[in-house]
């Protein structure tokens, strides 16, 4: 999956990927897979790590796979899911494509920004 413009099919792919990741359970699954790396995890290990019922997990994995952000392969009797790192890189590049109107000194935000999920009320 490669994102190059906000026109037509590319825009649909970007929206589909972002929509899949905009759901809490799917985001948790995706982050676990990213932490695991390209070797991926079997469905049972994902379910155990996140405390998800098989049917719930199957639904969310299907959504992530159809959105193009995870891959699935059969290894023996197991289905192994892993992040699609090229698709993730392409999505990030698409989102930052026109950052700072193309200025040469444009850089991403500092990594030490506060985590919004840990912010106090």
PDB file of N, CA and C in Angstrom:
ATOM      1  N   UNK A   1       0.853  -1.160   0.000  1.00  0.00           N
ATOM      2  CA  UNK A   1       0.000   0.000   0.000  1.00  0.00           C
ATOM      3  C   UNK A   1       0.900   1.224   0.000  1.00  0.00           C
ATOM      4  N   UNK A   2       0.699   2.086  -0.986  1.00  0.00           N
ATOM      5  CA  UNK A   2       1.497   3.302  -1.037  1.00  0.00           C
ATOM      6  C   UNK A   2       0.553   4.479  -1.202  1.00  0.00           C
ATOM      7  N   UNK A   3       0.762   5.514  -0.413  1.00  0.00           N
ATOM      8  CA  UNK A   3      -0.097   6.696  -0.448  1.00  0.00           C
ATOM      9  C   UNK A   3       0.694   7.829  -1.066  1.00  0.00           C
ATOM     10  N   UNK A   4       0.202   8.385  -2.153  1.00  0.00           N
ATOM     11  CA  UNK A   4       0.919   9.477  -2.796  1.00  0.00           C
ATOM     12  C   UNK A   4       0.094  10.743  -2.976  1.00  0.00           C
ATOM     13  N   UNK A   5      -1.198  10.642  -3.050  1.00  0.00           N
ATOM     14  CA  UNK A   5      -1.990  11.860  -3.230  1.00  0.00           C
ATOM     15  C   UNK A   5      -3.286  11.727  -2.453  1.00  0.00           C
ATOM     16  N   UNK A   6      -3.974  12.813  -2.266  1.00  0.00           N
ATOM     17  CA  UNK A   6      -5.235  12.800  -1.529  1.00  0.00           C
ATOM     18  C   UNK A   6      -6.401  12.651  -2.499  1.00  0.00           C
ATOM     19  N   UNK A   7      -6.126  12.258  -3.722  1.00  0.00           N
ATOM     20  CA  UNK A   7      -7.155  12.077  -4.735  1.00  0.00           C
ATOM     21  C   UNK A   7      -7.554  10.609  -4.844  1.00  0.00           C
ATOM     22  N   UNK A   8      -8.810  10.347  -5.102  1.00  0.00           N
ATOM     23  CA  UNK A   8      -9.299   9.033  -5.470  1.00  0.00           C
ATOM     24  C   UNK A   8      -8.975   7.896  -4.529  1.00  0.00           C
ATOM     25  N   UNK A   9      -8.457   6.806  -5.094  1.00  0.00           N
ATOM     26  CA  UNK A   9      -8.216   5.569  -4.363  1.00  0.00           C
ATOM     27  C   UNK A   9      -7.233   5.775  -3.222  1.00  0.00           C
ATOM     28  N   UNK A  10      -6.206   6.608  -3.417  1.00  0.00           N
ATOM     29  CA  UNK A  10      -5.237   6.839  -2.359  1.00  0.00           C
ATOM     30  C   UNK A  10      -5.912   7.407  -1.115  1.00  0.00           C
ATOM     31  N   UNK A  11      -6.801   8.369  -1.304  1.00  0.00           N
ATOM     32  CA  UNK A  11      -7.512   8.966  -0.175  1.00  0.00           C
ATOM     33  C   UNK A  11      -8.371   7.918   0.525  1.00  0.00           C
ATOM     34  N   UNK A  12      -9.009   7.059  -0.244  1.00  0.00           N
ATOM     35  CA  UNK A  12      -9.833   6.003   0.348  1.00  0.00           C
ATOM     36  C   UNK A  12      -8.977   5.055   1.195  1.00  0.00           C
ATOM     37  N   UNK A  13      -7.788   4.724   0.716  1.00  0.00           N
ATOM     38  CA  UNK A  13      -6.888   3.833   1.457  1.00  0.00           C
ATOM     39  C   UNK A  13      -6.411   4.480   2.754  1.00  0.00           C
ATOM     40  N   UNK A  14      -6.097   5.759   2.692  1.00  0.00           N
ATOM     41  CA  UNK A  14      -5.654   6.480   3.888  1.00  0.00           C
ATOM     42  C   UNK A  14      -6.778   6.527   4.912  1.00  0.00           C
ATOM     43  N   UNK A  15      -7.971   6.874   4.475  1.00  0.00           N
ATOM     44  CA  UNK A  15      -9.114   6.959   5.375  1.00  0.00           C
ATOM     45  C   UNK A  15      -9.414   5.591   5.974  1.00  0.00           C
ATOM     46  N   UNK A  16      -9.344   4.542   5.183  1.00  0.00           N
ATOM     47  CA  UNK A  16      -9.608   3.183   5.675  1.00  0.00           C
ATOM     48  C   UNK A  16      -8.571   2.788   6.738  1.00  0.00           C
ATOM     49  N   UNK A  17      -7.292   3.090   6.503  1.00  0.00           N
ATOM     50  CA  UNK A  17      -6.244   2.757   7.472  1.00  0.00           C
ATOM     51  C   UNK A  17      -6.426   3.550   8.760  1.00  0.00           C
ATOM     52  N   UNK A  18      -6.677   4.839   8.637  1.00  0.00           N
ATOM     53  CA  UNK A  18      -6.852   5.671   9.831  1.00  0.00           C
ATOM     54  C   UNK A  18      -8.118   5.286  10.597  1.00  0.00           C
ATOM     55  N   UNK A  19      -9.177   4.958   9.879  1.00  0.00           N
ATOM     56  CA  UNK A  19     -10.422   4.552  10.540  1.00  0.00           C
ATOM     57  C   UNK A  19     -10.222   3.257  11.316  1.00  0.00           C
ATOM     58  N   UNK A  20      -9.480   2.324  10.743  1.00  0.00           N
ATOM     59  CA  UNK A  20      -9.226   1.057  11.442  1.00  0.00           C
ATOM     60  C   UNK A  20      -8.450   1.304  12.730  1.00  0.00           C
ATOM     61  N   UNK A  21      -7.498   2.194  12.681  1.00  0.00           N
ATOM     62  CA  UNK A  21      -6.666   2.476  13.856  1.00  0.00           C
ATOM     63  C   UNK A  21      -7.347   3.417  14.852  1.00  0.00           C
ATOM     64  N   UNK A  22      -8.463   4.003  14.467  1.00  0.00           N
ATOM     65  CA  UNK A  22      -9.160   4.958  15.333  1.00  0.00           C
ATOM     66  C   UNK A  22     -10.101   4.275  16.322  1.00  0.00           C
ATOM     67  N   UNK A  23     -10.035   2.976  16.426  1.00  0.00           N
ATOM     68  CA  UNK A  23     -10.860   2.223  17.368  1.00  0.00           C
ATOM     69  C   UNK A  23      -9.925   1.658  18.438  1.00  0.00           C
ATOM     70  N   UNK A  24     -10.275   1.802  19.706  1.00  0.00           N
ATOM     71  CA  UNK A  24      -9.366   1.499  20.816  1.00  0.00           C
ATOM     72  C   UNK A  24      -8.815   0.070  20.791  1.00  0.00           C
ATOM     73  N   UNK A  25      -9.665  -0.918  20.598  1.00  0.00           N
ATOM     74  CA  UNK A  25      -9.195  -2.304  20.609  1.00  0.00           C
ATOM     75  C   UNK A  25      -8.244  -2.556  19.452  1.00  0.00           C
ATOM     76  N   UNK A  26      -8.607  -2.070  18.265  1.00  0.00           N
ATOM     77  CA  UNK A  26      -7.733  -2.272  17.109  1.00  0.00           C
ATOM     78  C   UNK A  26      -6.406  -1.549  17.306  1.00  0.00           C
ATOM     79  N   UNK A  27      -6.431  -0.376  17.899  1.00  0.00           N
ATOM     80  CA  UNK A  27      -5.187   0.345  18.165  1.00  0.00           C
ATOM     81  C   UNK A  27      -4.318  -0.438  19.139  1.00  0.00           C
ATOM     82  N   UNK A  28      -4.926  -1.025  20.163  1.00  0.00           N
ATOM     83  CA  UNK A  28      -4.164  -1.853  21.122  1.00  0.00           C
ATOM     84  C   UNK A  28      -3.543  -3.056  20.427  1.00  0.00           C
ATOM     85  N   UNK A  29      -4.307  -3.712  19.558  1.00  0.00           N
ATOM     86  CA  UNK A  29      -3.794  -4.863  18.815  1.00  0.00           C
ATOM     87  C   UNK A  29      -2.630  -4.429  17.932  1.00  0.00           C
ATOM     88  N   UNK A  30      -2.819  -3.345  17.197  1.00  0.00           N
ATOM     89  CA  UNK A  30      -1.779  -2.861  16.293  1.00  0.00           C
ATOM     90  C   UNK A  30      -0.507  -2.496  17.053  1.00  0.00           C
ATOM     91  N   UNK A  31      -0.650  -1.800  18.166  1.00  0.00           N
ATOM     92  CA  UNK A  31       0.533  -1.415  18.955  1.00  0.00           C
ATOM     93  C   UNK A  31       1.261  -2.645  19.503  1.00  0.00           C
ATOM     94  N   UNK A  32       0.514  -3.658  19.927  1.00  0.00           N
ATOM     95  CA  UNK A  32       1.143  -4.894  20.392  1.00  0.00           C
ATOM     96  C   UNK A  32       1.937  -5.539  19.259  1.00  0.00           C
ATOM     97  N   UNK A  33       1.352  -5.584  18.072  1.00  0.00           N
ATOM     98  CA  UNK A  33       2.045  -6.173  16.936  1.00  0.00           C
ATOM     99  C   UNK A  33       3.281  -5.371  16.557  1.00  0.00           C
ATOM    100  N   UNK A  34       3.200  -4.056  16.616  1.00  0.00           N
ATOM    101  CA  UNK A  34       4.362  -3.218  16.318  1.00  0.00           C
ATOM    102  C   UNK A  34       5.468  -3.485  17.339  1.00  0.00           C
ATOM    103  N   UNK A  35       5.101  -3.602  18.609  1.00  0.00           N
ATOM    104  CA  UNK A  35       6.091  -3.891  19.650  1.00  0.00           C
ATOM    105  C   UNK A  35       6.731  -5.254  19.434  1.00  0.00           C
ATOM    106  N   UNK A  36       5.966  -6.210  18.926  1.00  0.00           N
ATOM    107  CA  UNK A  36       6.468  -7.560  18.695  1.00  0.00           C
ATOM    108  C   UNK A  36       7.431  -7.600  17.509  1.00  0.00           C
ATOM    109  N   UNK A  37       7.169  -6.782  16.505  1.00  0.00           N
ATOM    110  CA  UNK A  37       8.040  -6.739  15.343  1.00  0.00           C
ATOM    111  C   UNK A  37       7.564  -7.601  14.202  1.00  0.00           C
ATOM    112  N   UNK A  38       8.407  -7.744  13.183  1.00  0.00           N
ATOM    113  CA  UNK A  38       7.988  -8.435  11.960  1.00  0.00           C
ATOM    114  C   UNK A  38       7.706  -9.920  12.134  1.00  0.00           C
ATOM    115  N   UNK A  39       8.203 -10.534  13.210  1.00  0.00           N
ATOM    116  CA  UNK A  39       7.920 -11.962  13.404  1.00  0.00           C
ATOM    117  C   UNK A  39       6.455 -12.204  13.746  1.00  0.00           C
ATOM    118  N   UNK A  40       5.767 -11.200  14.265  1.00  0.00           N
ATOM    119  CA  UNK A  40       4.336 -11.298  14.531  1.00  0.00           C
ATOM    120  C   UNK A  40       3.973 -12.198  15.693  1.00  0.00           C
ATOM    121  N   UNK A  41       2.678 -12.365  15.876  1.00  0.00           N
ATOM    122  CA  UNK A  41       2.142 -13.183  16.964  1.00  0.00           C
ATOM    123  C   UNK A  41       0.994 -14.047  16.469  1.00  0.00           C
ATOM    124  N   UNK A  42       0.875 -15.205  17.076  1.00  0.00           N
ATOM    125  CA  UNK A  42      -0.275 -16.067  16.803  1.00  0.00           C
ATOM    126  C   UNK A  42      -1.516 -15.453  17.446  1.00  0.00           C
ATOM    127  N   UNK A  43      -2.657 -15.749  16.874  1.00  0.00           N
ATOM    128  CA  UNK A  43      -3.921 -15.201  17.359  1.00  0.00           C
ATOM    129  C   UNK A  43      -4.111 -15.470  18.854  1.00  0.00           C
ATOM    130  N   UNK A  44      -3.828 -16.678  19.302  1.00  0.00           N
ATOM    131  CA  UNK A  44      -3.997 -17.022  20.713  1.00  0.00           C
ATOM    132  C   UNK A  44      -3.133 -16.175  21.629  1.00  0.00           C
ATOM    133  N   UNK A  45      -1.936 -15.865  21.198  1.00  0.00           N
ATOM    134  CA  UNK A  45      -1.039 -15.040  22.019  1.00  0.00           C
ATOM    135  C   UNK A  45      -1.524 -13.589  22.068  1.00  0.00           C
ATOM    136  N   UNK A  46      -2.080 -13.104  20.968  1.00  0.00           N
ATOM    137  CA  UNK A  46      -2.644 -11.748  20.962  1.00  0.00           C
ATOM    138  C   UNK A  46      -3.819 -11.693  21.931  1.00  0.00           C
ATOM    139  N   UNK A  47      -4.717 -12.669  21.829  1.00  0.00           N
ATOM    140  CA  UNK A  47      -5.900 -12.720  22.697  1.00  0.00           C
ATOM    141  C   UNK A  47      -5.491 -12.759  24.157  1.00  0.00           C
ATOM    142  N   UNK A  48      -4.506 -13.603  24.497  1.00  0.00           N
ATOM    143  CA  UNK A  48      -4.064 -13.722  25.885  1.00  0.00           C
ATOM    144  C   UNK A  48      -3.416 -12.430  26.373  1.00  0.00           C
ATOM    145  N   UNK A  49      -2.600 -11.819  25.548  1.00  0.00           N
ATOM    146  CA  UNK A  49      -1.892 -10.603  25.951  1.00  0.00           C
ATOM    147  C   UNK A  49      -2.843  -9.441  26.207  1.00  0.00           C
ATOM    148  N   UNK A  50      -3.942  -9.393  25.441  1.00  0.00           N
ATOM    149  CA  UNK A  50      -4.865  -8.262  25.554  1.00  0.00           C
ATOM    150  C   UNK A  50      -6.171  -8.612  26.262  1.00  0.00           C
ATOM    151  N   UNK A  51      -6.321  -9.871  26.642  1.00  0.00           N
ATOM    152  CA  UNK A  51      -7.534 -10.287  27.340  1.00  0.00           C
ATOM    153  C   UNK A  51      -8.780 -10.176  26.483  1.00  0.00           C
ATOM    154  N   UNK A  52      -8.669 -10.583  25.222  1.00  0.00           N
ATOM    155  CA  UNK A  52      -9.798 -10.475  24.298  1.00  0.00           C
ATOM    156  C   UNK A  52     -10.376 -11.850  23.983  1.00  0.00           C
ATOM    157  N   UNK A  53     -11.690 -11.890  23.823  1.00  0.00           N
ATOM    158  CA  UNK A  53     -12.361 -13.115  23.392  1.00  0.00           C
ATOM    159  C   UNK A  53     -11.998 -13.383  21.930  1.00  0.00           C
ATOM    160  N   UNK A  54     -11.955 -14.657  21.557  1.00  0.00           N
ATOM    161  CA  UNK A  54     -11.566 -15.031  20.194  1.00  0.00           C
ATOM    162  C   UNK A  54     -12.415 -14.338  19.127  1.00  0.00           C
ATOM    163  N   UNK A  55     -13.723 -14.324  19.307  1.00  0.00           N
ATOM    164  CA  UNK A  55     -14.608 -13.720  18.305  1.00  0.00           C
ATOM    165  C   UNK A  55     -14.352 -12.224  18.177  1.00  0.00           C
ATOM    166  N   UNK A  56     -14.145 -11.564  19.298  1.00  0.00           N
ATOM    167  CA  UNK A  56     -13.865 -10.127  19.287  1.00  0.00           C
ATOM    168  C   UNK A  56     -12.560  -9.857  18.567  1.00  0.00           C
ATOM    169  N   UNK A  57     -11.534 -10.636  18.901  1.00  0.00           N
ATOM    170  CA  UNK A  57     -10.229 -10.449  18.281  1.00  0.00           C
ATOM    171  C   UNK A  57     -10.298 -10.724  16.784  1.00  0.00           C
ATOM    172  N   UNK A  58     -10.975 -11.777  16.388  1.00  0.00           N
ATOM    173  CA  UNK A  58     -11.094 -12.113  14.962  1.00  0.00           C
ATOM    174  C   UNK A  58     -11.695 -10.965  14.177  1.00  0.00           C
ATOM    175  N   UNK A  59     -12.745 -10.352  14.725  1.00  0.00           N
ATOM    176  CA  UNK A  59     -13.380  -9.214  14.061  1.00  0.00           C
ATOM    177  C   UNK A  59     -12.389  -8.075  13.873  1.00  0.00           C
ATOM    178  N   UNK A  60     -11.654  -7.737  14.923  1.00  0.00           N
ATOM    179  CA  UNK A  60     -10.730  -6.603  14.850  1.00  0.00           C
ATOM    180  C   UNK A  60      -9.529  -6.898  13.956  1.00  0.00           C
ATOM    181  N   UNK A  61      -9.034  -8.128  13.969  1.00  0.00           N
ATOM    182  CA  UNK A  61      -7.927  -8.491  13.077  1.00  0.00           C
ATOM    183  C   UNK A  61      -8.368  -8.416  11.617  1.00  0.00           C
ATOM    184  N   UNK A  62      -9.596  -8.828  11.341  1.00  0.00           N
ATOM    185  CA  UNK A  62     -10.127  -8.743   9.976  1.00  0.00           C
ATOM    186  C   UNK A  62     -10.176  -7.290   9.518  1.00  0.00           C
ATOM    187  N   UNK A  63     -10.633  -6.405  10.395  1.00  0.00           N
ATOM    188  CA  UNK A  63     -10.704  -4.984  10.052  1.00  0.00           C
ATOM    189  C   UNK A  63      -9.313  -4.411   9.783  1.00  0.00           C
ATOM    190  N   UNK A  64      -8.340  -4.757  10.608  1.00  0.00           N
ATOM    191  CA  UNK A  64      -6.967  -4.267  10.426  1.00  0.00           C
ATOM    192  C   UNK A  64      -6.355  -4.819   9.136  1.00  0.00           C
ATOM    193  N   UNK A  65      -6.626  -6.085   8.857  1.00  0.00           N
ATOM    194  CA  UNK A  65      -6.099  -6.705   7.637  1.00  0.00           C
ATOM    195  C   UNK A  65      -6.718  -6.060   6.402  1.00  0.00           C
ATOM    196  N   UNK A  66      -8.033  -5.865   6.418  1.00  0.00           N
ATOM    197  CA  UNK A  66      -8.717  -5.258   5.272  1.00  0.00           C
ATOM    198  C   UNK A  66      -8.295  -3.811   5.061  1.00  0.00           C
ATOM    199  N   UNK A  67      -7.899  -3.139   6.140  1.00  0.00           N
ATOM    200  CA  UNK A  67      -7.421  -1.752   6.034  1.00  0.00           C
ATOM    201  C   UNK A  67      -5.970  -1.696   5.549  1.00  0.00           C
ATOM    202  N   UNK A  68      -5.314  -2.848   5.501  1.00  0.00           N
ATOM    203  CA  UNK A  68      -3.962  -2.900   4.966  1.00  0.00           C
ATOM    204  C   UNK A  68      -2.856  -2.557   5.945  1.00  0.00           C
ATOM    205  N   UNK A  69      -3.150  -2.563   7.248  1.00  0.00           N
ATOM    206  CA  UNK A  69      -2.110  -2.200   8.212  1.00  0.00           C
ATOM    207  C   UNK A  69      -1.493  -3.400   8.915  1.00  0.00           C
ATOM    208  N   UNK A  70      -2.089  -4.583   8.763  1.00  0.00           N
ATOM    209  CA  UNK A  70      -1.476  -5.813   9.280  1.00  0.00           C
ATOM    210  C   UNK A  70      -1.515  -6.882   8.192  1.00  0.00           C
ATOM    211  N   UNK A  71      -0.618  -7.843   8.352  1.00  0.00           N
ATOM    212  CA  UNK A  71      -0.533  -8.987   7.449  1.00  0.00           C
ATOM    213  C   UNK A  71      -0.848 -10.245   8.231  1.00  0.00           C
ATOM    214  N   UNK A  72      -1.274 -11.258   7.529  1.00  0.00           N
ATOM    215  CA  UNK A  72      -1.566 -12.541   8.152  1.00  0.00           C
ATOM    216  C   UNK A  72      -0.950 -13.636   7.295  1.00  0.00           C
ATOM    217  N   UNK A  73      -0.280 -14.573   7.959  1.00  0.00           N
ATOM    218  CA  UNK A  73       0.240 -15.733   7.243  1.00  0.00           C
ATOM    219  C   UNK A  73       0.036 -16.976   8.089  1.00  0.00           C
ATOM    220  N   UNK A  74      -0.143 -18.072   7.409  1.00  0.00           N
ATOM    221  CA  UNK A  74      -0.315 -19.346   8.095  1.00  0.00           C
ATOM    222  C   UNK A  74       1.058 -19.973   8.266  1.00  0.00           C
ATOM    223  N   UNK A  75       1.349 -20.343   9.514  1.00  0.00           N
ATOM    224  CA  UNK A  75       2.568 -21.095   9.831  1.00  0.00           C
ATOM    225  C   UNK A  75       2.118 -22.353  10.545  1.00  0.00           C
ATOM    226  N   UNK A  76       2.171 -23.464   9.827  1.00  0.00           N
ATOM    227  CA  UNK A  76       1.645 -24.705  10.386  1.00  0.00           C
ATOM    228  C   UNK A  76       0.154 -24.572  10.595  1.00  0.00           C
ATOM    229  N   UNK A  77      -0.275 -24.773  11.834  1.00  0.00           N
ATOM    230  CA  UNK A  77      -1.701 -24.653  12.159  1.00  0.00           C
ATOM    231  C   UNK A  77      -2.061 -23.276  12.693  1.00  0.00           C
ATOM    232  N   UNK A  78      -1.084 -22.385  12.805  1.00  0.00           N
ATOM    233  CA  UNK A  78      -1.324 -21.072  13.406  1.00  0.00           C
ATOM    234  C   UNK A  78      -1.437 -19.970  12.362  1.00  0.00           C
ATOM    235  N   UNK A  79      -2.294 -19.010  12.655  1.00  0.00           N
ATOM    236  CA  UNK A  79      -2.339 -17.773  11.881  1.00  0.00           C
ATOM    237  C   UNK A  79      -1.483 -16.765  12.628  1.00  0.00           C
ATOM    238  N   UNK A  80      -0.504 -16.207  11.938  1.00  0.00           N
ATOM    239  CA  UNK A  80       0.420 -15.251  12.540  1.00  0.00           C
ATOM    240  C   UNK A  80       0.145 -13.872  11.946  1.00  0.00           C
ATOM    241  N   UNK A  81      -0.101 -12.913  12.824  1.00  0.00           N
ATOM    242  CA  UNK A  81      -0.361 -11.546  12.399  1.00  0.00           C
ATOM    243  C   UNK A  81       0.853 -10.695  12.727  1.00  0.00           C
ATOM    244  N   UNK A  82       1.176  -9.798  11.790  1.00  0.00           N
ATOM    245  CA  UNK A  82       2.283  -8.872  11.990  1.00  0.00           C
ATOM    246  C   UNK A  82       1.916  -7.535  11.356  1.00  0.00           C
ATOM    247  N   UNK A  83       2.546  -6.470  11.820  1.00  0.00           N
ATOM    248  CA  UNK A  83       2.250  -5.165  11.214  1.00  0.00           C
ATOM    249  C   UNK A  83       2.810  -5.125   9.795  1.00  0.00           C
ATOM    250  N   UNK A  84       2.149  -4.391   8.942  1.00  0.00           N
ATOM    251  CA  UNK A  84       2.664  -4.169   7.592  1.00  0.00           C
ATOM    252  C   UNK A  84       3.505  -2.900   7.663  1.00  0.00           C
ATOM    253  N   UNK A  85       4.795  -3.072   7.981  1.00  0.00           N
ATOM    254  CA  UNK A  85       5.668  -1.916   8.184  1.00  0.00           C
ATOM    255  C   UNK A  85       5.792  -1.028   6.949  1.00  0.00           C
ATOM    256  N   UNK A  86       5.884  -1.578   5.735  1.00  0.00           N
ATOM    257  CA  UNK A  86       5.914  -0.687   4.568  1.00  0.00           C
ATOM    258  C   UNK A  86       4.637   0.168   4.453  1.00  0.00           C
ATOM    259  N   UNK A  87       3.479  -0.422   4.743  1.00  0.00           N
ATOM    260  CA  UNK A  87       2.231   0.347   4.695  1.00  0.00           C
ATOM    261  C   UNK A  87       2.225   1.418   5.778  1.00  0.00           C
ATOM    262  N   UNK A  88       2.710   1.072   6.971  1.00  0.00           N
ATOM    263  CA  UNK A  88       2.768   2.041   8.062  1.00  0.00           C
ATOM    264  C   UNK A  88       3.699   3.201   7.693  1.00  0.00           C
ATOM    265  N   UNK A  89       4.857   2.890   7.139  1.00  0.00           N
ATOM    266  CA  UNK A  89       5.807   3.930   6.735  1.00  0.00           C
ATOM    267  C   UNK A  89       5.209   4.818   5.655  1.00  0.00           C
ATOM    268  N   UNK A  90       4.514   4.189   4.716  1.00  0.00           N
ATOM    269  CA  UNK A  90       3.877   4.941   3.641  1.00  0.00           C
ATOM    270  C   UNK A  90       2.785   5.865   4.181  1.00  0.00           C
ATOM    271  N   UNK A  91       2.006   5.364   5.143  1.00  0.00           N
ATOM    272  CA  UNK A  91       0.956   6.180   5.748  1.00  0.00           C
ATOM    273  C   UNK A  91       1.562   7.382   6.479  1.00  0.00           C
ATOM    274  N   UNK A  92       2.610   7.143   7.252  1.00  0.00           N
ATOM    275  CA  UNK A  92       3.267   8.243   7.961  1.00  0.00           C
ATOM    276  C   UNK A  92       3.862   9.247   6.991  1.00  0.00           C
ATOM    277  N   UNK A  93       4.477   8.771   5.917  1.00  0.00           N
ATOM    278  CA  UNK A  93       5.041   9.676   4.911  1.00  0.00           C
ATOM    279  C   UNK A  93       3.943  10.496   4.250  1.00  0.00           C
ATOM    280  N   UNK A  94       2.807   9.850   3.971  1.00  0.00           N
ATOM    281  CA  UNK A  94       1.681  10.564   3.377  1.00  0.00           C
ATOM    282  C   UNK A  94       1.194  11.679   4.308  1.00  0.00           C
ATOM    283  N   UNK A  95       1.066  11.360   5.599  1.00  0.00           N
ATOM    284  CA  UNK A  95       0.567  12.346   6.559  1.00  0.00           C
ATOM    285  C   UNK A  95       1.522  13.530   6.719  1.00  0.00           C
ATOM    286  N   UNK A  96       2.811  13.289   6.551  1.00  0.00           N
ATOM    287  CA  UNK A  96       3.812  14.348   6.738  1.00  0.00           C
ATOM    288  C   UNK A  96       4.300  14.926   5.415  1.00  0.00           C
ATOM    289  N   UNK A  97       3.705  14.513   4.313  1.00  0.00           N
ATOM    290  CA  UNK A  97       4.185  14.871   2.977  1.00  0.00           C
ATOM    291  C   UNK A  97       4.362  16.374   2.769  1.00  0.00           C
ATOM    292  N   UNK A  98       3.457  17.155   3.236  1.00  0.00           N
ATOM    293  CA  UNK A  98       3.534  18.601   3.030  1.00  0.00           C
ATOM    294  C   UNK A  98       3.831  19.341   4.329  1.00  0.00           C
ATOM    295  N   UNK A  99       4.481  18.666   5.244  1.00  0.00           N
ATOM    296  CA  UNK A  99       4.813  19.245   6.541  1.00  0.00           C
ATOM    297  C   UNK A  99       5.616  20.531   6.361  1.00  0.00           C
ATOM    298  N   UNK A 100       5.213  21.555   7.059  1.00  0.00           N
ATOM    299  CA  UNK A 100       5.911  22.844   7.046  1.00  0.00           C
ATOM    300  C   UNK A 100       6.060  23.393   5.626  1.00  0.00           C
ATOM    301  N   UNK A 101       5.117  23.068   4.760  1.00  0.00           N
ATOM    302  CA  UNK A 101       5.117  23.530   3.370  1.00  0.00           C
ATOM    303  C   UNK A 101       6.419  23.186   2.662  1.00  0.00           C
ATOM    304  N   UNK A 102       7.030  22.075   3.046  1.00  0.00           N
ATOM    305  CA  UNK A 102       8.250  21.624   2.389  1.00  0.00           C
ATOM    306  C   UNK A 102       9.519  22.312   2.839  1.00  0.00           C
ATOM    307  N   UNK A 103       9.465  23.064   3.932  1.00  0.00           N
ATOM    308  CA  UNK A 103      10.666  23.764   4.414  1.00  0.00           C
ATOM    309  C   UNK A 103      11.749  22.748   4.772  1.00  0.00           C
ATOM    310  N   UNK A 104      12.991  23.069   4.413  1.00  0.00           N
ATOM    311  CA  UNK A 104      14.109  22.154   4.647  1.00  0.00           C
ATOM    312  C   UNK A 104      14.368  21.926   6.130  1.00  0.00           C
ATOM    313  N   UNK A 105      14.063  22.916   6.966  1.00  0.00           N
ATOM    314  CA  UNK A 105      14.358  22.793   8.399  1.00  0.00           C
ATOM    315  C   UNK A 105      13.181  22.220   9.197  1.00  0.00           C
ATOM    316  N   UNK A 106      12.190  21.695   8.510  1.00  0.00           N
ATOM    317  CA  UNK A 106      11.027  21.117   9.171  1.00  0.00           C
ATOM    318  C   UNK A 106      11.430  19.828   9.872  1.00  0.00           C
ATOM    319  N   UNK A 107      10.999  19.685  11.100  1.00  0.00           N
ATOM    320  CA  UNK A 107      11.303  18.463  11.831  1.00  0.00           C
ATOM    321  C   UNK A 107      10.095  18.048  12.649  1.00  0.00           C
ATOM    322  N   UNK A 108      10.016  16.761  12.989  1.00  0.00           N
ATOM    323  CA  UNK A 108       8.872  16.299  13.794  1.00  0.00           C
ATOM    324  C   UNK A 108       8.891  16.901  15.186  1.00  0.00           C
ATOM    325  N   UNK A 109       7.740  16.825  15.836  1.00  0.00           N
ATOM    326  CA  UNK A 109       7.612  17.333  17.206  1.00  0.00           C
ATOM    327  C   UNK A 109       8.559  16.575  18.132  1.00  0.00           C
ATOM    328  N   UNK A 110       9.034  17.226  19.191  1.00  0.00           N
ATOM    329  CA  UNK A 110       9.936  16.561  20.128  1.00  0.00           C
ATOM    330  C   UNK A 110       9.293  15.318  20.742  1.00  0.00           C
ATOM    331  N   UNK A 111      10.105  14.297  20.978  1.00  0.00           N
ATOM    332  CA  UNK A 111       9.616  13.040  21.529  1.00  0.00           C
ATOM    333  C   UNK A 111       9.230  13.160  22.995  1.00  0.00           C
ATOM    334  N   UNK A 112       9.625  14.232  23.665  1.00  0.00           N
ATOM    335  CA  UNK A 112       9.357  14.360  25.095  1.00  0.00           C
ATOM    336  C   UNK A 112       8.060  15.105  25.403  1.00  0.00           C
ATOM    337  N   UNK A 113       7.160  15.193  24.421  1.00  0.00           N
ATOM    338  CA  UNK A 113       5.862  15.815  24.677  1.00  0.00           C
ATOM    339  C   UNK A 113       5.080  14.956  25.661  1.00  0.00           C
ATOM    340  N   UNK A 114       4.229  15.559  26.491  1.00  0.00           N
ATOM    341  CA  UNK A 114       3.441  14.757  27.445  1.00  0.00           C
ATOM    342  C   UNK A 114       2.504  13.807  26.723  1.00  0.00           C
ATOM    343  N   UNK A 115       2.312  12.639  27.321  1.00  0.00           N
ATOM    344  CA  UNK A 115       1.408  11.627  26.791  1.00  0.00           C
ATOM    345  C   UNK A 115      -0.016  12.037  27.161  1.00  0.00           C
ATOM    346  N   UNK A 116      -0.898  12.322  26.168  1.00  0.00           N
ATOM    347  CA  UNK A 116      -2.255  12.775  26.490  1.00  0.00           C
ATOM    348  C   UNK A 116      -3.039  11.771  27.326  1.00  0.00           C
ATOM    349  N   UNK A 117      -2.748  10.487  27.198  1.00  0.00           N
ATOM    350  CA  UNK A 117      -3.491   9.496  27.975  1.00  0.00           C
ATOM    351  C   UNK A 117      -3.089   9.522  29.438  1.00  0.00           C
ATOM    352  N   UNK A 118      -1.966  10.156  29.769  1.00  0.00           N
ATOM    353  CA  UNK A 118      -1.510  10.218  31.161  1.00  0.00           C
ATOM    354  C   UNK A 118      -1.689  11.608  31.749  1.00  0.00           C
ATOM    355  N   UNK A 119      -2.269  12.505  30.971  1.00  0.00           N
ATOM    356  CA  UNK A 119      -2.455  13.880  31.452  1.00  0.00           C
ATOM    357  C   UNK A 119      -3.471  13.903  32.596  1.00  0.00           C
ATOM    358  N   UNK A 120      -3.236  14.764  33.543  1.00  0.00           N
ATOM    359  CA  UNK A 120      -4.183  14.891  34.667  1.00  0.00           C
ATOM    360  C   UNK A 120      -5.310  15.808  34.281  1.00  0.00           C
ATOM    361  N   UNK A 121      -6.456  15.634  34.915  1.00  0.00           N
ATOM    362  CA  UNK A 121      -7.641  16.444  34.594  1.00  0.00           C
ATOM    363  C   UNK A 121      -7.659  17.704  35.378  1.00  0.00           C
TER     364      UNK A 121
END
